[in-house]
Amino acid sequence: MANEGSFNRAAEKLSRTQPAITLAVKQLEEFVGLKLLQRTTRNVSTTAEGENFLPIAERLLRDFDSAIYDLRATAEGRSGYVSMAAVPSVATNLLPDIIKTFATEFPGINLHLDDDSSRGVQGRVERNEVDFGIGSMWNPNKLLEFTPLFADKLELICHRDHPLAQSTGMIGWEQLNKVTFLDTGVTKALRARQDLGESKFDFPNITTLIAMLRSNLGVSVLPSLAIPKSSDDLVSRPLTPTESSEIYLITRNDWALSPAAEAMIETIIRESPQQVAKYGLTIL
């Protein structure tokens, strides 16, 4: 009314009826205990108090419109924040192209990615530190949902000068009883690993494990995706019987994901088959 000078013109602009606008103004004036508008037979103008209140009211309306816009942008996946955790082999090999696609489709969404062992990834999801994770099933948990993504064959990895590196065929798990075995977060959960003797070496961090293998301290077992492809001093050999590491998308059952997190998950599920095929992995 202050800008239009008429209840009728204000009602038309707001797509409301004139009595509804008149009642709203009356209720506001009764609530604050002041006259905000001066009415005459020809027009409506602001009182001194109304004139002082007008810029404040306009700012409040702008802030409200901005807040509604931000909410809609979040709901539509045009803005937001995603936090996720993934095992290093997935983070460094499969996710870069997927995240690039996601960033193109959702340029307004911010993403935080931590790499961790499967145990660490699952723990972060359990503690609600991240929206979701990607890794092996470290320990079944009713609080979590495990959506299968792919399976990766496990291979022996050792220094090129190690005796087992001289074999050109498959390596039997029983042969690992005769050498120094380096445990990792991957190996401890393996069925075939249970038949091996206890190891005095445990390197959960993949970077540390690779360094120990390069020093020819012993041998270990890793998914093919986690084995360095451009290493001259390390070699890998197939194992018999064959065993695979299964990778899952891990979420909480009791937690509603944000639209941004849902958009990221949808992109991962849609784009994963192409990445899995590129690395010769098996879709679950």
Protein backbone atom coordinates (compact mmCIF):
# COMPACT_ATOMS: atom_id res chain seq x y z
CA MET A 1 0.00 0.00 0.00
CA ALA A 2 2.81 2.39 0.81
CA ASN A 3 4.23 2.01 -2.71
CA GLU A 4 0.93 1.67 -4.56
CA GLY A 5 -1.07 4.33 -2.69
CA SER A 6 -4.20 2.19 -2.85
CA PHE A 7 -5.54 -0.95 -1.21
CA ASN A 8 -7.09 -2.03 -4.52
CA ARG A 9 -3.84 -1.68 -6.51
CA ALA A 10 -1.88 -3.45 -3.75
CA ALA A 11 -4.41 -6.29 -3.74
CA GLU A 12 -4.08 -6.67 -7.54
CA LYS A 13 -0.27 -6.77 -7.32
CA LEU A 14 -0.33 -9.38 -4.56
CA SER A 15 -3.14 -11.40 -6.20
CA ARG A 16 -5.23 -11.03 -3.06
CA THR A 17 -8.66 -9.53 -2.38
CA GLN A 18 -8.91 -5.95 -1.14
CA PRO A 19 -10.70 -6.94 2.13
CA ALA A 20 -7.92 -9.46 2.89
CA ILE A 21 -5.25 -6.78 2.49
CA THR A 22 -7.22 -4.31 4.60
CA LEU A 23 -7.65 -6.89 7.38
CA ALA A 24 -3.94 -7.81 7.36
CA VAL A 25 -2.92 -4.17 7.78
CA LYS A 26 -5.48 -3.65 10.54
CA GLN A 27 -4.22 -6.71 12.45
CA LEU A 28 -0.60 -5.52 12.12
CA GLU A 29 -1.49 -2.04 13.43
CA GLU A 30 -3.41 -3.55 16.35
CA PHE A 31 -0.47 -5.83 17.15
CA VAL A 32 2.14 -3.02 17.24
CA GLY A 33 -0.26 -0.45 18.70
CA LEU A 34 0.52 2.20 16.06
CA LYS A 35 -1.05 3.57 12.91
CA LEU A 36 1.24 2.75 9.99
CA LEU A 37 -0.96 3.99 7.14
CA GLN A 38 -2.95 7.19 6.74
CA ARG A 39 -6.17 6.60 4.80
CA THR A 40 -8.13 9.25 2.89
CA THR A 41 -10.97 8.95 0.39
CA ARG A 42 -8.49 9.31 -2.48
CA ASN A 43 -5.32 7.48 -1.45
CA VAL A 44 -3.30 5.72 1.24
CA SER A 45 0.03 7.04 2.55
CA THR A 46 2.41 6.13 5.35
CA THR A 47 2.41 7.79 8.75
CA ALA A 48 5.74 8.89 10.22
CA GLU A 49 5.97 5.59 12.05
CA GLY A 50 5.07 3.71 8.87
CA GLU A 51 7.72 5.60 6.91
CA ASN A 52 10.38 4.54 9.43
CA PHE A 53 9.20 0.94 9.39
CA LEU A 54 8.99 0.65 5.58
CA PRO A 55 12.72 0.07 4.79
CA ILE A 56 12.95 -2.47 7.62
CA ALA A 57 9.91 -4.33 6.30
CA GLU A 58 11.34 -4.31 2.76
CA ARG A 59 14.67 -5.71 4.01
CA LEU A 60 12.87 -8.45 5.94
CA LEU A 61 10.93 -9.40 2.81
CA ARG A 62 14.13 -9.52 0.75
CA ASP A 63 15.79 -11.72 3.38
CA PHE A 64 12.75 -14.00 3.46
CA ASP A 65 12.71 -14.30 -0.35
CA SER A 66 16.44 -15.05 -0.33
CA ALA A 67 16.02 -17.73 2.34
CA ILE A 68 13.20 -19.38 0.38
CA TYR A 69 15.34 -19.28 -2.79
CA ASP A 70 18.23 -20.96 -0.94
CA LEU A 71 15.91 -23.67 0.39
CA ARG A 72 14.53 -24.34 -3.07
CA ALA A 73 18.04 -24.43 -4.53
CA THR A 74 19.05 -27.00 -1.92
CA ALA A 75 15.92 -29.08 -2.48
CA GLU A 76 16.50 -29.06 -6.24
CA GLY A 77 20.17 -30.03 -5.88
CA ARG A 78 21.44 -26.68 -7.21
CA SER A 79 23.37 -26.00 -4.00
CA GLY A 80 24.43 -27.85 -0.87
CA TYR A 81 27.27 -29.80 0.72
CA VAL A 82 28.26 -33.45 0.52
CA SER A 83 30.73 -35.26 2.78
CA MET A 84 31.85 -38.79 1.97
CA ALA A 85 34.60 -41.29 2.78
CA ALA A 86 36.06 -43.98 0.53
CA VAL A 87 38.84 -46.54 0.56
CA PRO A 88 41.98 -45.17 -1.17
CA SER A 89 41.79 -47.48 -4.20
CA VAL A 90 38.28 -46.23 -5.01
CA ALA A 91 39.08 -42.61 -4.16
CA THR A 92 42.09 -42.45 -6.48
CA ASN A 93 40.90 -44.63 -9.37
CA LEU A 94 37.10 -44.74 -9.72
CA LEU A 95 35.95 -41.48 -8.17
CA PRO A 96 37.90 -38.79 -10.08
CA ASP A 97 35.90 -39.15 -13.33
CA ILE A 98 32.64 -39.61 -11.40
CA ILE A 99 33.25 -36.47 -9.34
CA LYS A 100 34.17 -34.55 -12.50
CA THR A 101 30.80 -35.52 -14.00
CA PHE A 102 29.02 -34.58 -10.76
CA ALA A 103 30.74 -31.18 -10.64
CA THR A 104 29.59 -30.45 -14.19
CA GLU A 105 25.99 -31.42 -13.46
CA PHE A 106 25.81 -29.78 -10.00
CA PRO A 107 28.25 -26.83 -10.01
CA GLY A 108 26.69 -25.29 -6.89
CA ILE A 109 27.31 -28.27 -4.60
CA ASN A 110 30.45 -28.44 -2.45
CA LEU A 111 32.08 -31.84 -1.86
CA HIS A 112 34.42 -33.12 0.86
CA LEU A 113 36.09 -36.52 0.38
CA ASP A 114 38.18 -38.40 2.97
CA ASP A 115 40.07 -41.59 2.15
CA ASP A 116 40.32 -44.24 4.87
CA SER A 117 40.51 -47.98 5.42
CA SER A 118 37.27 -49.98 5.15
CA ARG A 119 37.12 -50.06 8.93
CA GLY A 120 37.58 -46.29 9.08
CA VAL A 121 35.01 -45.64 6.34
CA GLN A 122 32.38 -47.73 8.11
CA GLY A 123 33.16 -46.07 11.43
CA ARG A 124 32.76 -42.59 9.94
CA VAL A 125 29.32 -43.50 8.59
CA GLU A 126 28.30 -45.11 11.90
CA ARG A 127 29.30 -41.97 13.81
CA ASN A 128 27.49 -39.78 11.29
CA GLU A 129 30.71 -37.94 10.42
CA VAL A 130 30.00 -38.27 6.69
CA ASP A 131 26.85 -38.57 4.59
CA PHE A 132 27.91 -41.96 3.19
CA GLY A 133 30.93 -44.12 2.48
CA ILE A 134 32.37 -46.53 -0.08
CA GLY A 135 34.33 -49.56 1.13
CA SER A 136 34.23 -53.20 2.13
CA MET A 137 31.89 -54.50 4.82
CA TRP A 138 34.22 -54.44 7.80
CA ASN A 139 31.58 -55.57 10.27
CA PRO A 140 27.82 -56.14 9.66
CA ASN A 141 25.75 -53.51 11.43
CA LYS A 142 21.95 -53.19 11.58
CA LEU A 143 22.29 -49.41 11.66
CA LEU A 144 23.85 -49.43 8.20
CA GLU A 145 22.70 -50.30 4.72
CA PHE A 146 25.26 -51.86 2.34
CA THR A 147 24.45 -51.41 -1.34
CA PRO A 148 26.72 -53.63 -3.52
CA LEU A 149 28.80 -51.81 -6.13
CA PHE A 150 31.50 -54.15 -7.45
CA ALA A 151 33.91 -56.97 -6.60
CA ASP A 152 37.68 -56.85 -7.09
CA LYS A 153 39.92 -59.93 -7.30
CA LEU A 154 42.65 -60.16 -4.70
CA GLU A 155 46.26 -60.64 -5.80
CA LEU A 156 49.58 -61.32 -4.15
CA ILE A 157 51.87 -58.30 -4.16
CA CYS A 158 55.59 -58.41 -3.39
CA HIS A 159 58.98 -57.01 -4.36
CA ARG A 160 60.32 -58.15 -7.72
CA ASP A 161 63.30 -59.76 -5.95
CA HIS A 162 61.12 -61.85 -3.62
CA PRO A 163 61.16 -65.62 -4.32
CA LEU A 164 57.40 -65.69 -4.97
CA ALA A 165 57.85 -63.04 -7.66
CA GLN A 166 59.80 -65.58 -9.74
CA SER A 167 56.69 -67.71 -10.21
CA THR A 168 54.75 -67.07 -13.41
CA GLY A 169 51.69 -69.09 -12.41
CA MET A 170 49.09 -68.78 -9.67
CA ILE A 171 50.21 -68.65 -6.06
CA GLY A 172 48.46 -70.92 -3.54
CA TRP A 173 47.43 -69.40 -0.25
CA GLU A 174 49.31 -72.18 1.55
CA GLN A 175 52.56 -70.83 0.10
CA LEU A 176 52.08 -67.65 2.12
CA ASN A 177 52.65 -69.66 5.31
CA LYS A 178 56.31 -69.94 4.40
CA VAL A 179 57.03 -66.23 3.96
CA THR A 180 56.75 -63.03 5.99
CA PHE A 181 53.17 -61.86 5.59
CA LEU A 182 52.19 -58.21 6.04
CA ASP A 183 48.65 -57.77 7.34
CA THR A 184 46.38 -54.92 6.28
CA GLY A 185 42.80 -53.86 6.88
CA VAL A 186 41.92 -55.84 3.75
CA THR A 187 43.60 -59.14 4.67
CA LYS A 188 42.24 -59.47 8.21
CA ALA A 189 38.68 -59.96 6.98
CA LEU A 190 39.53 -62.59 4.34
CA ARG A 191 38.34 -66.18 4.71
CA ALA A 192 41.54 -67.64 3.22
CA ARG A 193 43.63 -65.46 5.57
CA GLN A 194 42.29 -67.36 8.58
CA ASP A 195 44.37 -70.40 7.62
CA LEU A 196 47.62 -68.45 7.71
CA GLY A 197 49.70 -68.01 10.83
CA GLU A 198 49.55 -64.82 12.84
CA SER A 199 51.62 -61.98 11.40
CA LYS A 200 53.78 -59.70 13.52
CA PHE A 201 53.38 -56.92 10.96
CA ASP A 202 50.19 -54.90 10.55
CA PHE A 203 50.04 -51.88 8.24
CA PRO A 204 46.44 -50.57 7.90
CA ASN A 205 47.60 -47.55 5.90
CA ILE A 206 48.04 -48.47 2.23
CA THR A 207 50.85 -45.93 1.70
CA THR A 208 52.84 -47.45 4.57
CA LEU A 209 52.20 -50.98 3.32
CA ILE A 210 53.48 -50.14 -0.18
CA ALA A 211 56.64 -48.64 1.33
CA MET A 212 57.25 -51.83 3.35
CA LEU A 213 56.71 -54.00 0.27
CA ARG A 214 59.20 -51.87 -1.65
CA SER A 215 61.76 -52.54 1.06
CA ASN A 216 61.15 -56.30 0.47
CA LEU A 217 60.10 -56.79 4.10
CA GLY A 218 57.51 -59.40 3.07
CA VAL A 219 54.42 -60.02 0.93
CA SER A 220 50.78 -59.01 1.17
CA VAL A 221 47.44 -59.32 -0.58
CA LEU A 222 45.53 -56.42 -2.14
CA PRO A 223 42.60 -55.89 -4.49
CA SER A 224 43.85 -55.35 -8.03
CA LEU A 225 42.53 -51.78 -7.97
CA ALA A 226 44.81 -50.96 -5.02
CA ILE A 227 48.00 -52.32 -6.60
CA PRO A 228 50.27 -49.59 -8.07
CA LYS A 229 50.22 -49.92 -11.86
CA SER A 230 53.39 -47.96 -12.59
CA SER A 231 55.75 -49.57 -10.07
CA ASP A 232 58.96 -51.15 -11.40
CA ASP A 233 59.94 -52.69 -8.07
CA LEU A 234 56.64 -54.40 -7.18
CA VAL A 235 54.88 -57.28 -8.94
CA SER A 236 51.53 -58.98 -8.48
CA ARG A 237 50.51 -62.59 -8.95
CA PRO A 238 47.05 -64.26 -9.08
CA LEU A 239 46.00 -66.34 -6.07
CA THR A 240 44.30 -69.72 -5.85
CA PRO A 241 41.66 -70.28 -4.67
CA THR A 242 40.44 -66.96 -6.02
CA GLU A 243 38.98 -64.56 -3.50
CA SER A 244 37.45 -61.14 -4.06
CA SER A 245 36.98 -57.96 -2.09
CA GLU A 246 33.40 -56.68 -2.33
CA ILE A 247 32.86 -52.93 -2.30
CA TYR A 248 29.63 -51.35 -1.04
CA LEU A 249 28.02 -47.95 -0.83
CA ILE A 250 27.38 -47.53 2.91
CA THR A 251 24.60 -45.36 4.37
CA ARG A 252 22.76 -45.08 7.68
CA ASN A 253 19.27 -46.58 7.91
CA ASP A 254 18.00 -43.96 10.36
CA TRP A 255 19.29 -40.86 8.61
CA ALA A 256 17.59 -38.88 5.84
CA LEU A 257 20.14 -37.83 3.25
CA SER A 258 20.20 -34.28 1.95
CA PRO A 259 19.23 -33.66 -1.70
CA ALA A 260 22.89 -32.92 -2.43
CA ALA A 261 24.03 -36.27 -0.97
CA GLU A 262 21.27 -38.10 -2.84
CA ALA A 263 22.40 -36.45 -6.08
CA MET A 264 25.98 -37.61 -5.44
CA ILE A 265 24.86 -41.18 -4.72
CA GLU A 266 22.70 -41.25 -7.85
CA THR A 267 25.69 -40.09 -9.89
CA ILE A 268 27.94 -42.78 -8.38
CA ILE A 269 25.43 -45.57 -9.07
CA ARG A 270 24.85 -44.32 -12.63
CA GLU A 271 28.52 -43.80 -13.52
CA SER A 272 30.11 -46.73 -11.64
CA PRO A 273 29.43 -49.43 -14.28
CA GLN A 274 31.50 -47.55 -16.84
CA GLN A 275 34.39 -47.09 -14.41
CA VAL A 276 34.15 -50.69 -13.18
CA ALA A 277 34.35 -51.99 -16.77
CA LYS A 278 37.39 -49.80 -17.47
CA TYR A 279 39.32 -51.51 -14.67
CA GLY A 280 38.09 -55.02 -15.40
CA LEU A 281 36.14 -55.34 -12.15
CA THR A 282 32.91 -57.28 -11.57
CA ILE A 283 29.60 -55.48 -11.05
CA LEU A 284 27.63 -56.87 -8.10
